[in-house]
């Protein structure tokens, strides 16, 4: 399970000289959390829309490269294998800067993880 992003710890790391972006950057864990939350929302929307019975079936891990660094992303799966994520497609290993910035801007506007998940689900309805 992913740990919640600790803003106080992030500020301490920045004050101690740790980079904001990059492989071990302060923002990288936040991008990871928000991306995984959005993917989970996509899967839940897919399962709700699916006519045939289908269920969650764990996740697969892959390394994603962003403008803020790399991270291991847990991509959810469904049993039927019919889930095609849109935010980060199958076999995609790079997160575009545009998506990167949109996710961060939603969070900076005060949206919670739940709000971001709902917003992403609304995009696919």
C-alpha atoms as a PDB file:
ATOM      1  CA  UNK A   1       0.000   0.000   0.000  1.00  0.00           C
ATOM      2  CA  UNK A   2       1.216   3.480  -0.868  1.00  0.00           C
ATOM      3  CA  UNK A   3       2.061   5.835   1.971  1.00  0.00           C
ATOM      4  CA  UNK A   4       0.316   9.198   2.089  1.00  0.00           C
ATOM      5  CA  UNK A   5       2.459  12.105   0.870  1.00  0.00           C
ATOM      6  CA  UNK A   6       3.922  13.928   3.876  1.00  0.00           C
ATOM      7  CA  UNK A   7       4.114  17.638   3.063  1.00  0.00           C
ATOM      8  CA  UNK A   8       6.013  18.497   6.239  1.00  0.00           C
ATOM      9  CA  UNK A   9       8.651  15.892   5.424  1.00  0.00           C
ATOM     10  CA  UNK A  10       8.826  17.198   1.852  1.00  0.00           C
ATOM     11  CA  UNK A  11       9.487  20.721   3.129  1.00  0.00           C
ATOM     12  CA  UNK A  12      12.235  19.440   5.427  1.00  0.00           C
ATOM     13  CA  UNK A  13      13.820  17.607   2.498  1.00  0.00           C
ATOM     14  CA  UNK A  14      13.708  20.744   0.351  1.00  0.00           C
ATOM     15  CA  UNK A  15      15.270  22.787   3.152  1.00  0.00           C
ATOM     16  CA  UNK A  16      18.043  20.224   3.511  1.00  0.00           C
ATOM     17  CA  UNK A  17      18.879  20.610  -0.190  1.00  0.00           C
ATOM     18  CA  UNK A  18      17.054  17.675  -1.778  1.00  0.00           C
ATOM     19  CA  UNK A  19      15.948  18.345  -5.352  1.00  0.00           C
ATOM     20  CA  UNK A  20      12.316  19.165  -6.092  1.00  0.00           C
ATOM     21  CA  UNK A  21      12.290  17.074  -9.275  1.00  0.00           C
ATOM     22  CA  UNK A  22      14.371  14.217 -10.635  1.00  0.00           C
ATOM     23  CA  UNK A  23      14.768  10.540  -9.835  1.00  0.00           C
ATOM     24  CA  UNK A  24      14.687  11.030  -6.060  1.00  0.00           C
ATOM     25  CA  UNK A  25      12.937  14.401  -6.157  1.00  0.00           C
ATOM     26  CA  UNK A  26      10.519  15.541  -3.502  1.00  0.00           C
ATOM     27  CA  UNK A  27       7.546  15.681  -5.930  1.00  0.00           C
ATOM     28  CA  UNK A  28       8.028  12.213  -7.429  1.00  0.00           C
ATOM     29  CA  UNK A  29       6.080  10.327  -4.696  1.00  0.00           C
ATOM     30  CA  UNK A  30       3.187  12.791  -5.017  1.00  0.00           C
ATOM     31  CA  UNK A  31       2.979  12.261  -8.793  1.00  0.00           C
ATOM     32  CA  UNK A  32       3.033   8.487  -8.172  1.00  0.00           C
ATOM     33  CA  UNK A  33       0.176   8.634  -5.643  1.00  0.00           C
ATOM     34  CA  UNK A  34      -2.008  10.845  -7.788  1.00  0.00           C
ATOM     35  CA  UNK A  35      -1.397   8.760 -10.917  1.00  0.00           C
ATOM     36  CA  UNK A  36      -2.251   5.512  -9.114  1.00  0.00           C
ATOM     37  CA  UNK A  37      -5.429   7.088  -7.687  1.00  0.00           C
ATOM     38  CA  UNK A  38      -6.473   8.176 -11.183  1.00  0.00           C
ATOM     39  CA  UNK A  39      -5.817   4.692 -12.611  1.00  0.00           C
ATOM     40  CA  UNK A  40      -7.892   3.101  -9.845  1.00  0.00           C
ATOM     41  CA  UNK A  41     -10.732   5.477 -10.701  1.00  0.00           C
ATOM     42  CA  UNK A  42     -10.455   4.462 -14.357  1.00  0.00           C
ATOM     43  CA  UNK A  43     -10.694   0.771 -13.419  1.00  0.00           C
ATOM     44  CA  UNK A  44     -13.683   1.337 -11.143  1.00  0.00           C
ATOM     45  CA  UNK A  45     -15.447   3.245 -13.916  1.00  0.00           C
ATOM     46  CA  UNK A  46     -14.621   0.446 -16.370  1.00  0.00           C
ATOM     47  CA  UNK A  47     -16.033  -2.195 -14.018  1.00  0.00           C
ATOM     48  CA  UNK A  48     -19.228  -0.187 -13.480  1.00  0.00           C
ATOM     49  CA  UNK A  49     -19.739   0.199 -17.230  1.00  0.00           C
ATOM     50  CA  UNK A  50     -18.956  -3.438 -18.030  1.00  0.00           C
ATOM     51  CA  UNK A  51     -22.036  -5.456 -18.987  1.00  0.00           C
ATOM     52  CA  UNK A  52     -20.421  -8.832 -18.255  1.00  0.00           C
ATOM     53  CA  UNK A  53     -19.438  -9.725 -14.676  1.00  0.00           C
ATOM     54  CA  UNK A  54     -15.862  -8.643 -14.091  1.00  0.00           C
ATOM     55  CA  UNK A  55     -13.677  -7.981 -11.047  1.00  0.00           C
ATOM     56  CA  UNK A  56     -10.471  -6.366  -9.956  1.00  0.00           C
ATOM     57  CA  UNK A  57      -7.486  -8.668 -10.260  1.00  0.00           C
ATOM     58  CA  UNK A  58      -4.538  -7.076  -8.492  1.00  0.00           C
ATOM     59  CA  UNK A  59      -2.043  -4.884 -10.283  1.00  0.00           C
ATOM     60  CA  UNK A  60       1.118  -4.947 -12.329  1.00  0.00           C
ATOM     61  CA  UNK A  61       4.173  -2.846 -11.700  1.00  0.00           C
ATOM     62  CA  UNK A  62       6.096  -0.820 -14.260  1.00  0.00           C
ATOM     63  CA  UNK A  63       8.638   1.989 -14.197  1.00  0.00           C
ATOM     64  CA  UNK A  64       7.242   5.321 -15.355  1.00  0.00           C
ATOM     65  CA  UNK A  65       9.432   8.253 -16.376  1.00  0.00           C
ATOM     66  CA  UNK A  66       8.098  11.769 -15.821  1.00  0.00           C
ATOM     67  CA  UNK A  67       9.484  15.274 -15.976  1.00  0.00           C
ATOM     68  CA  UNK A  68       9.888  15.042 -12.193  1.00  0.00           C
ATOM     69  CA  UNK A  69      11.664  11.661 -12.110  1.00  0.00           C
ATOM     70  CA  UNK A  70      11.016   7.920 -12.257  1.00  0.00           C
ATOM     71  CA  UNK A  71       8.792   5.789 -10.065  1.00  0.00           C
ATOM     72  CA  UNK A  72       7.294   2.308  -9.909  1.00  0.00           C
ATOM     73  CA  UNK A  73       3.619   2.521 -10.822  1.00  0.00           C
ATOM     74  CA  UNK A  74       1.075  -0.092  -9.752  1.00  0.00           C
ATOM     75  CA  UNK A  75      -1.382  -0.396 -12.644  1.00  0.00           C
ATOM     76  CA  UNK A  76      -4.680  -2.095 -11.683  1.00  0.00           C
ATOM     77  CA  UNK A  77      -5.990  -5.067 -13.709  1.00  0.00           C
ATOM     78  CA  UNK A  78      -9.326  -6.760 -14.210  1.00  0.00           C
ATOM     79  CA  UNK A  79      -9.975 -10.493 -14.490  1.00  0.00           C
ATOM     80  CA  UNK A  80     -11.351 -10.354 -18.010  1.00  0.00           C
ATOM     81  CA  UNK A  81      -8.325  -8.432 -19.255  1.00  0.00           C
ATOM     82  CA  UNK A  82     -10.592  -5.890 -20.924  1.00  0.00           C
ATOM     83  CA  UNK A  83      -9.413  -2.852 -18.932  1.00  0.00           C
ATOM     84  CA  UNK A  84      -7.504  -0.428 -21.165  1.00  0.00           C
ATOM     85  CA  UNK A  85      -6.220   2.458 -19.019  1.00  0.00           C
ATOM     86  CA  UNK A  86      -6.302   5.853 -20.733  1.00  0.00           C
ATOM     87  CA  UNK A  87      -4.099   7.951 -18.448  1.00  0.00           C
ATOM     88  CA  UNK A  88      -1.117   5.638 -18.902  1.00  0.00           C
ATOM     89  CA  UNK A  89      -1.793   3.107 -21.606  1.00  0.00           C
ATOM     90  CA  UNK A  90      -0.526  -0.459 -21.650  1.00  0.00           C
ATOM     91  CA  UNK A  91       3.192  -0.590 -22.561  1.00  0.00           C
ATOM     92  CA  UNK A  92       3.536   3.179 -22.017  1.00  0.00           C
ATOM     93  CA  UNK A  93       6.550   4.078 -19.882  1.00  0.00           C
ATOM     94  CA  UNK A  94       6.540   7.879 -20.078  1.00  0.00           C
ATOM     95  CA  UNK A  95       4.050  10.255 -18.512  1.00  0.00           C
ATOM     96  CA  UNK A  96       3.729  13.352 -20.663  1.00  0.00           C
ATOM     97  CA  UNK A  97       4.510  16.698 -19.097  1.00  0.00           C
ATOM     98  CA  UNK A  98       0.980  17.847 -19.877  1.00  0.00           C
ATOM     99  CA  UNK A  99      -0.602  15.077 -17.784  1.00  0.00           C
ATOM    100  CA  UNK A 100       2.082  15.556 -15.148  1.00  0.00           C
ATOM    101  CA  UNK A 101       1.166  19.242 -14.803  1.00  0.00           C
ATOM    102  CA  UNK A 102      -2.602  18.598 -14.864  1.00  0.00           C
ATOM    103  CA  UNK A 103      -2.361  16.123 -11.998  1.00  0.00           C
ATOM    104  CA  UNK A 104      -0.238  18.513  -9.936  1.00  0.00           C
ATOM    105  CA  UNK A 105      -2.519  21.458 -10.704  1.00  0.00           C
ATOM    106  CA  UNK A 106      -5.622  19.533  -9.571  1.00  0.00           C
ATOM    107  CA  UNK A 107      -3.872  18.728  -6.311  1.00  0.00           C
ATOM    108  CA  UNK A 108      -2.606  22.300  -5.865  1.00  0.00           C
ATOM    109  CA  UNK A 109      -6.182  23.580  -6.347  1.00  0.00           C
ATOM    110  CA  UNK A 110      -7.060  21.698  -3.203  1.00  0.00           C
ATOM    111  CA  UNK A 111      -8.636  18.604  -4.713  1.00  0.00           C
ATOM    112  CA  UNK A 112      -8.312  15.521  -2.537  1.00  0.00           C
ATOM    113  CA  UNK A 113      -7.309  12.113  -3.888  1.00  0.00           C
ATOM    114  CA  UNK A 114     -11.001  11.194  -3.891  1.00  0.00           C
ATOM    115  CA  UNK A 115     -11.897  14.363  -5.844  1.00  0.00           C
ATOM    116  CA  UNK A 116      -9.164  13.686  -8.403  1.00  0.00           C
ATOM    117  CA  UNK A 117     -10.346  10.095  -8.817  1.00  0.00           C
ATOM    118  CA  UNK A 118     -13.915  11.330  -9.331  1.00  0.00           C
ATOM    119  CA  UNK A 119     -12.757  13.963 -11.815  1.00  0.00           C
ATOM    120  CA  UNK A 120     -10.858  11.362 -13.852  1.00  0.00           C
ATOM    121  CA  UNK A 121     -13.863   9.011 -13.754  1.00  0.00           C
ATOM    122  CA  UNK A 122     -16.084  11.850 -15.029  1.00  0.00           C
ATOM    123  CA  UNK A 123     -13.714  12.353 -17.967  1.00  0.00           C
ATOM    124  CA  UNK A 124     -14.418   8.815 -19.156  1.00  0.00           C
ATOM    125  CA  UNK A 125     -18.223   8.814 -18.796  1.00  0.00           C
END
